[in-house]
Amino acid sequence: MRVIETELPGVMLVEPRVFGDARGFFLESHSQGRYADAGIAPEGFVQDNVSSSRRGVLRGLHYQLPNSQGKLVHVLVGEVFDVAVDIRKGSPTFGKWIGVRLSDADHRQLYVPPGYAHGFAVLSDRALFTYKCTVYYDPAAEYAVAWDDPALAIAWPFDTPELSAKDRAAPPLAEIAVENLPIYAPTGGTRR
């Protein structure tokens, strides 16, 4: 596998080795030792999630506090525009984002470490999206940042996505109380 560091600390693009022939393909989507050696979730993953969405759906920007989740995401069917935003208070890259296309054609994965908000928009007719999480989901600890926060200026692929009621009501990052944001730890990582 090839791991590409992005301009956001800890956010990594993974290009797994794909073995294909006329019958189809094979790839190793995760190997704890190999991924930990690359700096991806050395603590391991505890939960796998799968979502199915149609074209135009946008899910996010979500994060969890306390117990911020790291996520290794990839697309099993279709294509998405996947986004990670640094929301760690005090981080030198606070409010910066990265967006990448992930698809079943390229098999790329994105690792989004704890302390980042995450979301994706579906570009294909349907997308089957999976993510491995470093801590368990806790609905009482879930927060969201407005997908269209003008201060973030994320270049989403469309202007009028289909959103959940919760995502429509999400506030801009500047309106989220500091105690509801993860704190940057200069020695690496995230606190809280």
C-alpha atoms as a PDB file:
ATOM      1  CA  MET A   1       0.000   0.000   0.000  1.00  0.00           C
ATOM      2  CA  ARG A   2       0.999   3.584  -0.543  1.00  0.00           C
ATOM      3  CA  VAL A   3       0.259   6.177   2.161  1.00  0.00           C
ATOM      4  CA  ILE A   4       0.148   9.840   1.144  1.00  0.00           C
ATOM      5  CA  GLU A   5       0.314  12.501   3.845  1.00  0.00           C
ATOM      6  CA  THR A   6      -1.957  15.480   3.251  1.00  0.00           C
ATOM      7  CA  GLU A   7      -1.499  19.098   4.296  1.00  0.00           C
ATOM      8  CA  LEU A   8      -3.578  18.373   7.406  1.00  0.00           C
ATOM      9  CA  PRO A   9      -1.585  16.621  10.146  1.00  0.00           C
ATOM     10  CA  GLY A  10      -2.619  12.999  10.558  1.00  0.00           C
ATOM     11  CA  VAL A  11      -5.057  12.961   7.630  1.00  0.00           C
ATOM     12  CA  MET A  12      -3.726  10.356   5.207  1.00  0.00           C
ATOM     13  CA  LEU A  13      -4.766   9.082   1.804  1.00  0.00           C
ATOM     14  CA  VAL A  14      -4.211   5.339   1.379  1.00  0.00           C
ATOM     15  CA  GLU A  15      -3.830   3.627  -1.978  1.00  0.00           C
ATOM     16  CA  PRO A  16      -4.030  -0.120  -1.330  1.00  0.00           C
ATOM     17  CA  ARG A  17      -2.406  -2.644  -3.633  1.00  0.00           C
ATOM     18  CA  VAL A  18      -5.059  -4.015  -5.958  1.00  0.00           C
ATOM     19  CA  PHE A  19      -4.593  -7.336  -7.733  1.00  0.00           C
ATOM     20  CA  GLY A  20      -6.899  -7.624 -10.717  1.00  0.00           C
ATOM     21  CA  ASP A  21      -7.505  -9.836 -13.711  1.00  0.00           C
ATOM     22  CA  ALA A  22     -10.398 -10.706 -16.031  1.00  0.00           C
ATOM     23  CA  ARG A  23     -12.325 -12.223 -13.094  1.00  0.00           C
ATOM     24  CA  GLY A  24     -12.248  -9.077 -10.953  1.00  0.00           C
ATOM     25  CA  PHE A  25      -9.910  -7.889  -8.224  1.00  0.00           C
ATOM     26  CA  PHE A  26      -8.589  -8.553  -4.731  1.00  0.00           C
ATOM     27  CA  LEU A  27      -7.298  -6.046  -2.190  1.00  0.00           C
ATOM     28  CA  GLU A  28      -6.461  -6.047   1.480  1.00  0.00           C
ATOM     29  CA  SER A  29      -8.651  -3.263   2.886  1.00  0.00           C
ATOM     30  CA  HIS A  30      -7.037  -3.271   6.343  1.00  0.00           C
ATOM     31  CA  SER A  31      -4.194  -4.973   8.185  1.00  0.00           C
ATOM     32  CA  GLN A  32      -3.752  -3.666  11.737  1.00  0.00           C
ATOM     33  CA  GLY A  33       0.045  -4.022  11.875  1.00  0.00           C
ATOM     34  CA  ARG A  34       0.687  -2.480   8.471  1.00  0.00           C
ATOM     35  CA  TYR A  35      -1.674   0.431   9.049  1.00  0.00           C
ATOM     36  CA  ALA A  36      -0.347   1.077  12.572  1.00  0.00           C
ATOM     37  CA  ASP A  37       3.218   1.112  11.179  1.00  0.00           C
ATOM     38  CA  ALA A  38       2.052   3.843   8.764  1.00  0.00           C
ATOM     39  CA  GLY A  39       0.660   5.876  11.680  1.00  0.00           C
ATOM     40  CA  ILE A  40      -2.964   5.034  10.986  1.00  0.00           C
ATOM     41  CA  ALA A  41      -4.928   4.246  14.136  1.00  0.00           C
ATOM     42  CA  PRO A  42      -2.152   2.517  16.090  1.00  0.00           C
ATOM     43  CA  GLU A  43      -4.737   1.999  18.850  1.00  0.00           C
ATOM     44  CA  GLY A  44      -6.849  -0.089  16.462  1.00  0.00           C
ATOM     45  CA  PHE A  45     -10.476   0.022  15.397  1.00  0.00           C
ATOM     46  CA  VAL A  46     -13.491  -1.083  17.443  1.00  0.00           C
ATOM     47  CA  GLN A  47     -16.493  -0.506  15.164  1.00  0.00           C
ATOM     48  CA  ASP A  48     -17.285  -0.764  11.440  1.00  0.00           C
ATOM     49  CA  ASN A  49     -20.130   1.216   9.844  1.00  0.00           C
ATOM     50  CA  VAL A  50     -21.709   1.122   6.387  1.00  0.00           C
ATOM     51  CA  SER A  51     -24.029   3.702   4.842  1.00  0.00           C
ATOM     52  CA  SER A  52     -25.921   3.688   1.583  1.00  0.00           C
ATOM     53  CA  SER A  53     -26.940   6.966  -0.047  1.00  0.00           C
ATOM     54  CA  ARG A  54     -28.170   8.264  -3.384  1.00  0.00           C
ATOM     55  CA  ARG A  55     -26.728  11.007  -5.601  1.00  0.00           C
ATOM     56  CA  GLY A  56     -26.882  14.457  -4.028  1.00  0.00           C
ATOM     57  CA  VAL A  57     -26.924  13.294  -0.399  1.00  0.00           C
ATOM     58  CA  LEU A  58     -24.450  15.024   1.893  1.00  0.00           C
ATOM     59  CA  ARG A  59     -23.701  13.535   5.315  1.00  0.00           C
ATOM     60  CA  GLY A  60     -21.770  15.700   7.763  1.00  0.00           C
ATOM     61  CA  LEU A  61     -19.788  17.461   8.936  1.00  0.00           C
ATOM     62  CA  HIS A  62     -19.847  15.230  12.040  1.00  0.00           C
ATOM     63  CA  TYR A  63     -17.602  14.705  15.044  1.00  0.00           C
ATOM     64  CA  GLN A  64     -17.882  13.175  18.477  1.00  0.00           C
ATOM     65  CA  LEU A  65     -16.834  14.640  21.842  1.00  0.00           C
ATOM     66  CA  PRO A  66     -15.776  13.289  24.234  1.00  0.00           C
ATOM     67  CA  ASN A  67     -14.024  10.248  22.812  1.00  0.00           C
ATOM     68  CA  SER A  68     -13.230  11.660  19.380  1.00  0.00           C
ATOM     69  CA  GLN A  69     -13.270   9.035  16.668  1.00  0.00           C
ATOM     70  CA  GLY A  70     -10.586   8.315  14.122  1.00  0.00           C
ATOM     71  CA  LYS A  71     -12.110   6.963  10.890  1.00  0.00           C
ATOM     72  CA  LEU A  72     -10.715   4.966   7.985  1.00  0.00           C
ATOM     73  CA  VAL A  73     -13.201   5.483   5.164  1.00  0.00           C
ATOM     74  CA  HIS A  74     -13.636   4.062   1.684  1.00  0.00           C
ATOM     75  CA  VAL A  75     -16.271   3.441  -0.965  1.00  0.00           C
ATOM     76  CA  LEU A  76     -17.422  -0.082  -1.804  1.00  0.00           C
ATOM     77  CA  VAL A  77     -19.818   1.004  -4.584  1.00  0.00           C
ATOM     78  CA  GLY A  78     -20.004   4.379  -6.318  1.00  0.00           C
ATOM     79  CA  GLU A  79     -18.154   7.642  -5.766  1.00  0.00           C
ATOM     80  CA  VAL A  80     -18.097  10.343  -3.082  1.00  0.00           C
ATOM     81  CA  PHE A  81     -16.389  13.632  -2.350  1.00  0.00           C
ATOM     82  CA  ASP A  82     -14.980  13.095   1.150  1.00  0.00           C
ATOM     83  CA  VAL A  83     -14.014  15.973   3.472  1.00  0.00           C
ATOM     84  CA  ALA A  84     -12.046  16.298   6.712  1.00  0.00           C
ATOM     85  CA  VAL A  85     -11.925  19.609   8.633  1.00  0.00           C
ATOM     86  CA  ASP A  86      -9.491  20.381  11.463  1.00  0.00           C
ATOM     87  CA  ILE A  87     -11.670  21.594  14.354  1.00  0.00           C
ATOM     88  CA  ARG A  88      -9.067  21.193  17.116  1.00  0.00           C
ATOM     89  CA  LYS A  89      -9.044  24.453  19.081  1.00  0.00           C
ATOM     90  CA  GLY A  90      -5.485  25.862  19.074  1.00  0.00           C
ATOM     91  CA  SER A  91      -4.334  23.846  16.059  1.00  0.00           C
ATOM     92  CA  PRO A  92      -2.177  25.678  13.492  1.00  0.00           C
ATOM     93  CA  THR A  93      -4.518  24.268  10.822  1.00  0.00           C
ATOM     94  CA  PHE A  94      -7.781  25.017  12.679  1.00  0.00           C
ATOM     95  CA  GLY A  95     -10.612  25.531  10.168  1.00  0.00           C
ATOM     96  CA  LYS A  96      -8.635  24.114   7.240  1.00  0.00           C
ATOM     97  CA  TRP A  97     -10.120  21.280   5.195  1.00  0.00           C
ATOM     98  CA  ILE A  98      -9.135  18.677   2.657  1.00  0.00           C
ATOM     99  CA  GLY A  99     -11.439  17.058   0.105  1.00  0.00           C
ATOM    100  CA  VAL A 100     -10.770  13.976  -1.998  1.00  0.00           C
ATOM    101  CA  ARG A 101     -12.763  11.825  -4.361  1.00  0.00           C
ATOM    102  CA  LEU A 102     -13.047   8.201  -3.294  1.00  0.00           C
ATOM    103  CA  SER A 103     -14.582   5.561  -5.538  1.00  0.00           C
ATOM    104  CA  ASP A 104     -14.967   1.870  -6.177  1.00  0.00           C
ATOM    105  CA  ALA A 105     -12.777   2.406  -9.262  1.00  0.00           C
ATOM    106  CA  ASP A 106      -9.677   3.645  -7.416  1.00  0.00           C
ATOM    107  CA  HIS A 107     -10.207   1.882  -4.039  1.00  0.00           C
ATOM    108  CA  ARG A 108      -8.501   4.744  -2.201  1.00  0.00           C
ATOM    109  CA  GLN A 109      -9.130   5.239   1.512  1.00  0.00           C
ATOM    110  CA  LEU A 110      -8.905   8.315   3.713  1.00  0.00           C
ATOM    111  CA  TYR A 111      -7.846   8.214   7.337  1.00  0.00           C
ATOM    112  CA  VAL A 112      -9.437  11.011   9.380  1.00  0.00           C
ATOM    113  CA  PRO A 113      -7.863  11.128  12.856  1.00  0.00           C
ATOM    114  CA  PRO A 114      -9.612  12.139  16.084  1.00  0.00           C
ATOM    115  CA  GLY A 115     -10.203  15.884  16.355  1.00  0.00           C
ATOM    116  CA  TYR A 116     -11.502  16.371  12.829  1.00  0.00           C
ATOM    117  CA  ALA A 117     -15.043  16.826  11.536  1.00  0.00           C
ATOM    118  CA  HIS A 118     -15.920  14.512   8.649  1.00  0.00           C
ATOM    119  CA  GLY A 119     -18.494  14.471   5.882  1.00  0.00           C
ATOM    120  CA  PHE A 120     -19.099  13.261   2.356  1.00  0.00           C
ATOM    121  CA  ALA A 121     -21.259  14.030  -0.658  1.00  0.00           C
ATOM    122  CA  VAL A 122     -22.457  11.317  -3.038  1.00  0.00           C
ATOM    123  CA  LEU A 123     -21.485  11.843  -6.696  1.00  0.00           C
ATOM    124  CA  SER A 124     -22.725   8.559  -8.202  1.00  0.00           C
ATOM    125  CA  ASP A 125     -26.308   7.294  -8.539  1.00  0.00           C
ATOM    126  CA  ARG A 126     -25.746   5.339  -5.325  1.00  0.00           C
ATOM    127  CA  ALA A 127     -22.806   4.955  -2.957  1.00  0.00           C
ATOM    128  CA  LEU A 128     -22.067   2.255  -0.437  1.00  0.00           C
ATOM    129  CA  PHE A 129     -19.657   3.864   2.019  1.00  0.00           C
ATOM    130  CA  THR A 130     -17.822   2.154   4.874  1.00  0.00           C
ATOM    131  CA  TYR A 131     -15.776   3.399   7.765  1.00  0.00           C
ATOM    132  CA  LYS A 132     -13.807   1.812  10.567  1.00  0.00           C
ATOM    133  CA  CYS A 133     -13.865   3.768  13.845  1.00  0.00           C
ATOM    134  CA  THR A 134     -11.300   3.928  16.656  1.00  0.00           C
ATOM    135  CA  VAL A 135     -13.955   4.375  19.379  1.00  0.00           C
ATOM    136  CA  TYR A 136     -17.597   3.413  19.650  1.00  0.00           C
ATOM    137  CA  TYR A 137     -20.304   5.711  18.338  1.00  0.00           C
ATOM    138  CA  ASP A 138     -22.104   7.614  21.097  1.00  0.00           C
ATOM    139  CA  PRO A 139     -25.212   9.489  19.872  1.00  0.00           C
ATOM    140  CA  ALA A 140     -25.195  11.674  23.005  1.00  0.00           C
ATOM    141  CA  ALA A 141     -21.671  12.896  22.112  1.00  0.00           C
ATOM    142  CA  GLU A 142     -22.298  13.657  18.423  1.00  0.00           C
ATOM    143  CA  TYR A 143     -21.893  17.191  17.096  1.00  0.00           C
ATOM    144  CA  ALA A 144     -22.070  18.717  13.636  1.00  0.00           C
ATOM    145  CA  VAL A 145     -20.603  21.729  11.845  1.00  0.00           C
ATOM    146  CA  ALA A 146     -22.569  23.439   9.070  1.00  0.00           C
ATOM    147  CA  TRP A 147     -21.644  21.875   5.735  1.00  0.00           C
ATOM    148  CA  ASP A 148     -21.867  25.300   4.070  1.00  0.00           C
ATOM    149  CA  ASP A 149     -20.039  27.329   6.730  1.00  0.00           C
ATOM    150  CA  PRO A 150     -18.804  30.353   4.726  1.00  0.00           C
ATOM    151  CA  ALA A 151     -15.655  30.646   6.870  1.00  0.00           C
ATOM    152  CA  LEU A 152     -14.637  27.104   5.858  1.00  0.00           C
ATOM    153  CA  ALA A 153     -15.533  27.692   2.177  1.00  0.00           C
ATOM    154  CA  ILE A 154     -15.547  23.981   1.316  1.00  0.00           C
ATOM    155  CA  ALA A 155     -15.727  23.436  -2.450  1.00  0.00           C
ATOM    156  CA  TRP A 156     -18.558  20.889  -2.379  1.00  0.00           C
ATOM    157  CA  PRO A 157     -19.505  19.480  -5.801  1.00  0.00           C
ATOM    158  CA  PHE A 158     -23.061  20.880  -5.615  1.00  0.00           C
ATOM    159  CA  ASP A 159     -24.931  23.767  -3.998  1.00  0.00           C
ATOM    160  CA  THR A 160     -28.192  22.164  -2.866  1.00  0.00           C
ATOM    161  CA  PRO A 161     -27.491  18.750  -1.324  1.00  0.00           C
ATOM    162  CA  GLU A 162     -30.038  16.513   0.330  1.00  0.00           C
ATOM    163  CA  LEU A 163     -29.462  16.817   4.101  1.00  0.00           C
ATOM    164  CA  SER A 164     -30.831  15.330   7.301  1.00  0.00           C
ATOM    165  CA  ALA A 165     -32.726  17.679   9.614  1.00  0.00           C
ATOM    166  CA  LYS A 166     -29.796  17.504  12.048  1.00  0.00           C
ATOM    167  CA  ASP A 167     -27.297  18.530   9.367  1.00  0.00           C
ATOM    168  CA  ARG A 168     -29.544  21.384   8.163  1.00  0.00           C
ATOM    169  CA  ALA A 169     -29.558  22.755  11.738  1.00  0.00           C
ATOM    170  CA  ALA A 170     -25.792  22.467  12.320  1.00  0.00           C
ATOM    171  CA  PRO A 171     -24.108  25.761  13.289  1.00  0.00           C
ATOM    172  CA  PRO A 172     -21.014  27.306  11.718  1.00  0.00           C
ATOM    173  CA  LEU A 173     -17.733  26.410  13.423  1.00  0.00           C
ATOM    174  CA  ALA A 174     -17.372  29.905  14.956  1.00  0.00           C
ATOM    175  CA  GLU A 175     -20.681  29.461  16.817  1.00  0.00           C
ATOM    176  CA  ILE A 176     -19.702  26.206  18.527  1.00  0.00           C
ATOM    177  CA  ALA A 177     -18.703  26.723  22.182  1.00  0.00           C
ATOM    178  CA  VAL A 178     -15.032  26.036  22.840  1.00  0.00           C
ATOM    179  CA  GLU A 179     -15.917  23.351  25.408  1.00  0.00           C
ATOM    180  CA  ASN A 180     -17.668  21.465  22.584  1.00  0.00           C
ATOM    181  CA  LEU A 181     -14.539  21.327  20.411  1.00  0.00           C
ATOM    182  CA  PRO A 182     -11.552  18.982  20.700  1.00  0.00           C
ATOM    183  CA  ILE A 183      -8.356  20.620  21.950  1.00  0.00           C
ATOM    184  CA  TYR A 184      -5.128  20.478  19.957  1.00  0.00           C
ATOM    185  CA  ALA A 185      -2.250  18.773  21.766  1.00  0.00           C
ATOM    186  CA  PRO A 186       1.072  20.154  20.397  1.00  0.00           C
ATOM    187  CA  THR A 187       2.839  16.885  21.185  1.00  0.00           C
ATOM    188  CA  GLY A 188       0.517  15.185  18.712  1.00  0.00           C
ATOM    189  CA  GLY A 189      -3.076  14.170  18.824  1.00  0.00           C
ATOM    190  CA  THR A 190      -6.183  15.529  20.448  1.00  0.00           C
ATOM    191  CA  ARG A 191      -7.362  15.990  24.007  1.00  0.00           C
ATOM    192  CA  ARG A 192     -10.922  15.476  25.193  1.00  0.00           C
END
